[in-house]
Amino acid sequence: MTAYIDDEDLKNFSVAVHAMKSMLESVGAAGLSNMAFKLETASKNNDAEYCSKQFPDFMERLTSLHEQLSVIFPSEEVLTKKSEKEKGHAAHLRENIEKALEAADRYDNDAGIEILNELTAYDFGEEINGLLENALTALKQYNYDDAKEILSKPMKRYR
């Protein structure tokens, strides 16, 4: 959706936000579903200004919901990986989060993803593992600001 907004591709944005609206409604996220409805309506009316102004707040709330739900309902893949992971070390975590933050500052998506993929192979505990997965998801969506915000959480703990 971010790419569609950036490219002012309101047609594809409308399709994507419509699908998101339906999914949010299905899981009972009425407030977010309503925001998606307003974005969908605006995009169908070619109101790029409204979409550009409102989308960041919508995305921020959507990401927050995702973070909350991924802690409560980890994916099967995450559960499987967790049981097979070697315990990670704090120094290794700190060093690589710093590298990932630098990559995000440079908008180097590939480097950031590579670093976080390597870190997610280790077990740093449920909370840190979840943050790493969420940061990885943010980078895969080219959402550098959210990735940096997520990655700063474990860094505060290890300073």
C-alpha atoms as a PDB file:
ATOM      1  CA  MET A   1       0.000   0.000   0.000  1.00  0.00           C
ATOM      2  CA  THR A   2       2.880   2.342   0.795  1.00  0.00           C
ATOM      3  CA  ALA A   3       4.287   1.958  -2.705  1.00  0.00           C
ATOM      4  CA  TYR A   4       0.882   2.706  -4.217  1.00  0.00           C
ATOM      5  CA  ILE A   5       0.581   5.900  -2.151  1.00  0.00           C
ATOM      6  CA  ASP A   6       4.140   6.931  -3.022  1.00  0.00           C
ATOM      7  CA  ASP A   7       3.415   6.366  -6.729  1.00  0.00           C
ATOM      8  CA  GLU A   8      -0.038   7.997  -6.438  1.00  0.00           C
ATOM      9  CA  ASP A   9      -1.490   4.773  -7.876  1.00  0.00           C
ATOM     10  CA  LEU A  10      -4.935   5.258  -6.359  1.00  0.00           C
ATOM     11  CA  LYS A  11      -6.538   2.455  -8.356  1.00  0.00           C
ATOM     12  CA  ASN A  12      -4.296  -0.260  -6.921  1.00  0.00           C
ATOM     13  CA  PHE A  13      -4.271   1.453  -3.527  1.00  0.00           C
ATOM     14  CA  SER A  14      -8.061   1.264  -3.499  1.00  0.00           C
ATOM     15  CA  VAL A  15      -7.982  -2.476  -4.207  1.00  0.00           C
ATOM     16  CA  ALA A  16      -5.373  -3.116  -1.498  1.00  0.00           C
ATOM     17  CA  VAL A  17      -7.075  -0.988   1.147  1.00  0.00           C
ATOM     18  CA  HIS A  18     -10.434  -2.619   0.303  1.00  0.00           C
ATOM     19  CA  ALA A  19      -8.945  -6.055   1.005  1.00  0.00           C
ATOM     20  CA  MET A  20      -7.412  -4.735   4.217  1.00  0.00           C
ATOM     21  CA  LYS A  21     -10.765  -3.238   5.242  1.00  0.00           C
ATOM     22  CA  SER A  22     -12.483  -6.584   4.824  1.00  0.00           C
ATOM     23  CA  MET A  23      -9.825  -8.451   6.804  1.00  0.00           C
ATOM     24  CA  LEU A  24      -9.886  -5.891   9.613  1.00  0.00           C
ATOM     25  CA  GLU A  25     -13.653  -6.151   9.775  1.00  0.00           C
ATOM     26  CA  SER A  26     -13.365  -9.945   9.963  1.00  0.00           C
ATOM     27  CA  VAL A  27     -11.076  -9.812  12.999  1.00  0.00           C
ATOM     28  CA  GLY A  28     -13.164  -7.186  14.778  1.00  0.00           C
ATOM     29  CA  ALA A  29     -10.829  -4.219  14.335  1.00  0.00           C
ATOM     30  CA  ALA A  30     -13.734  -1.856  13.679  1.00  0.00           C
ATOM     31  CA  GLY A  31     -11.783   1.384  14.079  1.00  0.00           C
ATOM     32  CA  LEU A  32      -9.091   0.353  11.619  1.00  0.00           C
ATOM     33  CA  SER A  33     -11.695  -1.064   9.258  1.00  0.00           C
ATOM     34  CA  ASN A  34     -13.470   2.298   9.301  1.00  0.00           C
ATOM     35  CA  MET A  35     -10.197   4.105   8.572  1.00  0.00           C
ATOM     36  CA  ALA A  36      -9.629   1.722   5.648  1.00  0.00           C
ATOM     37  CA  PHE A  37     -13.156   2.414   4.394  1.00  0.00           C
ATOM     38  CA  LYS A  38     -12.483   6.167   4.402  1.00  0.00           C
ATOM     39  CA  LEU A  39      -9.188   5.653   2.567  1.00  0.00           C
ATOM     40  CA  GLU A  40     -10.898   3.379   0.049  1.00  0.00           C
ATOM     41  CA  THR A  41     -13.652   5.930  -0.563  1.00  0.00           C
ATOM     42  CA  ALA A  42     -11.156   8.755  -0.952  1.00  0.00           C
ATOM     43  CA  SER A  43      -9.009   6.735  -3.349  1.00  0.00           C
ATOM     44  CA  LYS A  44     -12.038   5.859  -5.479  1.00  0.00           C
ATOM     45  CA  ASN A  45     -12.790   9.609  -5.607  1.00  0.00           C
ATOM     46  CA  ASN A  46      -9.177  10.298  -6.677  1.00  0.00           C
ATOM     47  CA  ASP A  47      -8.501  12.271  -3.491  1.00  0.00           C
ATOM     48  CA  ALA A  48      -4.751  11.670  -3.372  1.00  0.00           C
ATOM     49  CA  GLU A  49      -4.228  14.466  -0.837  1.00  0.00           C
ATOM     50  CA  TYR A  50      -6.546  12.836   1.731  1.00  0.00           C
ATOM     51  CA  CYS A  51      -4.948   9.428   1.174  1.00  0.00           C
ATOM     52  CA  SER A  52      -1.420  10.813   1.531  1.00  0.00           C
ATOM     53  CA  LYS A  53      -2.291  12.630   4.750  1.00  0.00           C
ATOM     54  CA  GLN A  54      -4.303   9.834   6.388  1.00  0.00           C
ATOM     55  CA  PHE A  55      -2.348   6.770   5.295  1.00  0.00           C
ATOM     56  CA  PRO A  56       0.647   7.172   7.665  1.00  0.00           C
ATOM     57  CA  ASP A  57      -1.630   7.141  10.730  1.00  0.00           C
ATOM     58  CA  PHE A  58      -3.515   4.131   9.349  1.00  0.00           C
ATOM     59  CA  MET A  59      -0.258   2.273   8.664  1.00  0.00           C
ATOM     60  CA  GLU A  60       1.087   3.092  12.113  1.00  0.00           C
ATOM     61  CA  ARG A  61      -2.052   1.716  13.770  1.00  0.00           C
ATOM     62  CA  LEU A  62      -2.048  -1.320  11.502  1.00  0.00           C
ATOM     63  CA  THR A  63       1.584  -2.064  12.350  1.00  0.00           C
ATOM     64  CA  SER A  64       0.820  -1.686  16.047  1.00  0.00           C
ATOM     65  CA  LEU A  65      -2.049  -4.154  15.748  1.00  0.00           C
ATOM     66  CA  HIS A  66       0.228  -6.565  13.890  1.00  0.00           C
ATOM     67  CA  GLU A  67       2.879  -6.309  16.625  1.00  0.00           C
ATOM     68  CA  GLN A  68       0.316  -6.972  19.330  1.00  0.00           C
ATOM     69  CA  LEU A  69      -1.264  -9.904  17.534  1.00  0.00           C
ATOM     70  CA  SER A  70       2.048 -11.513  16.542  1.00  0.00           C
ATOM     71  CA  VAL A  71       3.020 -11.765  20.217  1.00  0.00           C
ATOM     72  CA  ILE A  72      -0.301 -13.393  21.093  1.00  0.00           C
ATOM     73  CA  PHE A  73      -0.605 -15.521  17.942  1.00  0.00           C
ATOM     74  CA  PRO A  74       2.879 -16.331  16.644  1.00  0.00           C
ATOM     75  CA  SER A  75       2.906 -17.969  13.241  1.00  0.00           C
ATOM     76  CA  GLU A  76       3.462 -21.711  12.991  1.00  0.00           C
ATOM     77  CA  GLU A  77       6.758 -20.941  11.278  1.00  0.00           C
ATOM     78  CA  VAL A  78       7.871 -18.825  14.240  1.00  0.00           C
ATOM     79  CA  LEU A  79       6.881 -21.556  16.705  1.00  0.00           C
ATOM     80  CA  THR A  80       8.774 -24.187  14.717  1.00  0.00           C
ATOM     81  CA  LYS A  81      11.857 -22.005  14.358  1.00  0.00           C
ATOM     82  CA  LYS A  82      11.775 -21.130  18.056  1.00  0.00           C
ATOM     83  CA  SER A  83      12.079 -24.741  19.119  1.00  0.00           C
ATOM     84  CA  GLU A  84      15.059 -25.276  16.802  1.00  0.00           C
ATOM     85  CA  LYS A  85      16.989 -22.075  17.484  1.00  0.00           C
ATOM     86  CA  GLU A  86      20.348 -21.785  19.185  1.00  0.00           C
ATOM     87  CA  LYS A  87      20.451 -19.316  22.082  1.00  0.00           C
ATOM     88  CA  GLY A  88      21.664 -15.897  20.934  1.00  0.00           C
ATOM     89  CA  HIS A  89      24.165 -13.710  22.786  1.00  0.00           C
ATOM     90  CA  ALA A  90      23.503 -10.099  23.799  1.00  0.00           C
ATOM     91  CA  ALA A  91      26.745  -8.798  22.255  1.00  0.00           C
ATOM     92  CA  HIS A  92      25.899 -10.395  18.909  1.00  0.00           C
ATOM     93  CA  LEU A  93      22.371  -8.959  19.083  1.00  0.00           C
ATOM     94  CA  ARG A  94      23.574  -5.456  19.940  1.00  0.00           C
ATOM     95  CA  GLU A  95      26.236  -5.413  17.217  1.00  0.00           C
ATOM     96  CA  ASN A  96      23.853  -6.581  14.503  1.00  0.00           C
ATOM     97  CA  ILE A  97      20.975  -4.335  15.538  1.00  0.00           C
ATOM     98  CA  GLU A  98      23.372  -1.395  15.234  1.00  0.00           C
ATOM     99  CA  LYS A  99      24.252  -2.584  11.724  1.00  0.00           C
ATOM    100  CA  ALA A 100      20.562  -2.993  10.839  1.00  0.00           C
ATOM    101  CA  LEU A 101      19.807   0.511  12.140  1.00  0.00           C
ATOM    102  CA  GLU A 102      22.644   1.904  10.009  1.00  0.00           C
ATOM    103  CA  ALA A 103      21.252   0.051   6.978  1.00  0.00           C
ATOM    104  CA  ALA A 104      17.785   1.502   7.643  1.00  0.00           C
ATOM    105  CA  ASP A 105      19.302   4.992   7.956  1.00  0.00           C
ATOM    106  CA  ARG A 106      20.868   4.478   4.500  1.00  0.00           C
ATOM    107  CA  TYR A 107      17.597   3.024   3.133  1.00  0.00           C
ATOM    108  CA  ASP A 108      19.571  -0.131   2.348  1.00  0.00           C
ATOM    109  CA  ASN A 109      16.707  -2.585   2.465  1.00  0.00           C
ATOM    110  CA  ASP A 110      18.685  -5.615   1.292  1.00  0.00           C
ATOM    111  CA  ALA A 111      21.417  -5.205   3.901  1.00  0.00           C
ATOM    112  CA  GLY A 112      18.895  -4.671   6.699  1.00  0.00           C
ATOM    113  CA  ILE A 113      16.885  -7.730   5.697  1.00  0.00           C
ATOM    114  CA  GLU A 114      20.021  -9.860   5.462  1.00  0.00           C
ATOM    115  CA  ILE A 115      21.157  -8.789   8.943  1.00  0.00           C
ATOM    116  CA  LEU A 116      17.749  -9.392  10.510  1.00  0.00           C
ATOM    117  CA  ASN A 117      17.341 -12.748   8.771  1.00  0.00           C
ATOM    118  CA  GLU A 118      20.626 -13.814  10.328  1.00  0.00           C
ATOM    119  CA  LEU A 119      19.535 -12.623  13.776  1.00  0.00           C
ATOM    120  CA  THR A 120      16.173 -14.400  13.594  1.00  0.00           C
ATOM    121  CA  ALA A 121      18.065 -17.701  13.333  1.00  0.00           C
ATOM    122  CA  TYR A 122      18.901 -17.323  17.049  1.00  0.00           C
ATOM    123  CA  ASP A 123      16.703 -17.355  20.136  1.00  0.00           C
ATOM    124  CA  PHE A 124      16.953 -14.125  22.130  1.00  0.00           C
ATOM    125  CA  GLY A 125      13.744 -14.739  24.060  1.00  0.00           C
ATOM    126  CA  GLU A 126      10.148 -14.341  23.014  1.00  0.00           C
ATOM    127  CA  GLU A 127       9.982 -10.540  23.269  1.00  0.00           C
ATOM    128  CA  ILE A 128      13.203  -9.806  21.347  1.00  0.00           C
ATOM    129  CA  ASN A 129      12.436 -12.517  18.776  1.00  0.00           C
ATOM    130  CA  GLY A 130       9.052 -10.881  18.161  1.00  0.00           C
ATOM    131  CA  LEU A 131      10.611  -7.434  17.774  1.00  0.00           C
ATOM    132  CA  LEU A 132      13.155  -8.791  15.287  1.00  0.00           C
ATOM    133  CA  GLU A 133      10.395 -10.440  13.237  1.00  0.00           C
ATOM    134  CA  ASN A 134       8.348  -7.217  13.280  1.00  0.00           C
ATOM    135  CA  ALA A 135      11.359  -5.130  12.226  1.00  0.00           C
ATOM    136  CA  LEU A 136      12.040  -7.609   9.429  1.00  0.00           C
ATOM    137  CA  THR A 137       8.435  -7.303   8.251  1.00  0.00           C
ATOM    138  CA  ALA A 138       8.694  -3.501   8.324  1.00  0.00           C
ATOM    139  CA  LEU A 139      11.867  -3.563   6.220  1.00  0.00           C
ATOM    140  CA  LYS A 140      10.299  -5.953   3.733  1.00  0.00           C
ATOM    141  CA  GLN A 141       7.543  -3.320   3.354  1.00  0.00           C
ATOM    142  CA  TYR A 142      10.176  -0.555   2.923  1.00  0.00           C
ATOM    143  CA  ASN A 143       8.958   1.002   6.160  1.00  0.00           C
ATOM    144  CA  TYR A 144      12.314   2.231   7.458  1.00  0.00           C
ATOM    145  CA  ASP A 145      10.945   4.481  10.209  1.00  0.00           C
ATOM    146  CA  ASP A 146       8.939   1.679  11.809  1.00  0.00           C
ATOM    147  CA  ALA A 147      11.876  -0.716  11.493  1.00  0.00           C
ATOM    148  CA  LYS A 148      14.152   1.775  13.262  1.00  0.00           C
ATOM    149  CA  GLU A 149      11.589   2.382  15.992  1.00  0.00           C
ATOM    150  CA  ILE A 150      11.135  -1.350  16.574  1.00  0.00           C
ATOM    151  CA  LEU A 151      14.884  -2.003  16.588  1.00  0.00           C
ATOM    152  CA  SER A 152      15.527   0.802  19.060  1.00  0.00           C
ATOM    153  CA  LYS A 153      13.506  -1.050  21.734  1.00  0.00           C
ATOM    154  CA  PRO A 154      16.018  -3.858  22.354  1.00  0.00           C
ATOM    155  CA  MET A 155      18.924  -1.394  22.009  1.00  0.00           C
ATOM    156  CA  LYS A 156      17.663   0.595  25.013  1.00  0.00           C
ATOM    157  CA  ARG A 157      17.835  -2.569  27.082  1.00  0.00           C
ATOM    158  CA  TYR A 158      21.488  -3.291  26.154  1.00  0.00           C
ATOM    159  CA  ARG A 159      23.014   0.173  26.554  1.00  0.00           C
END
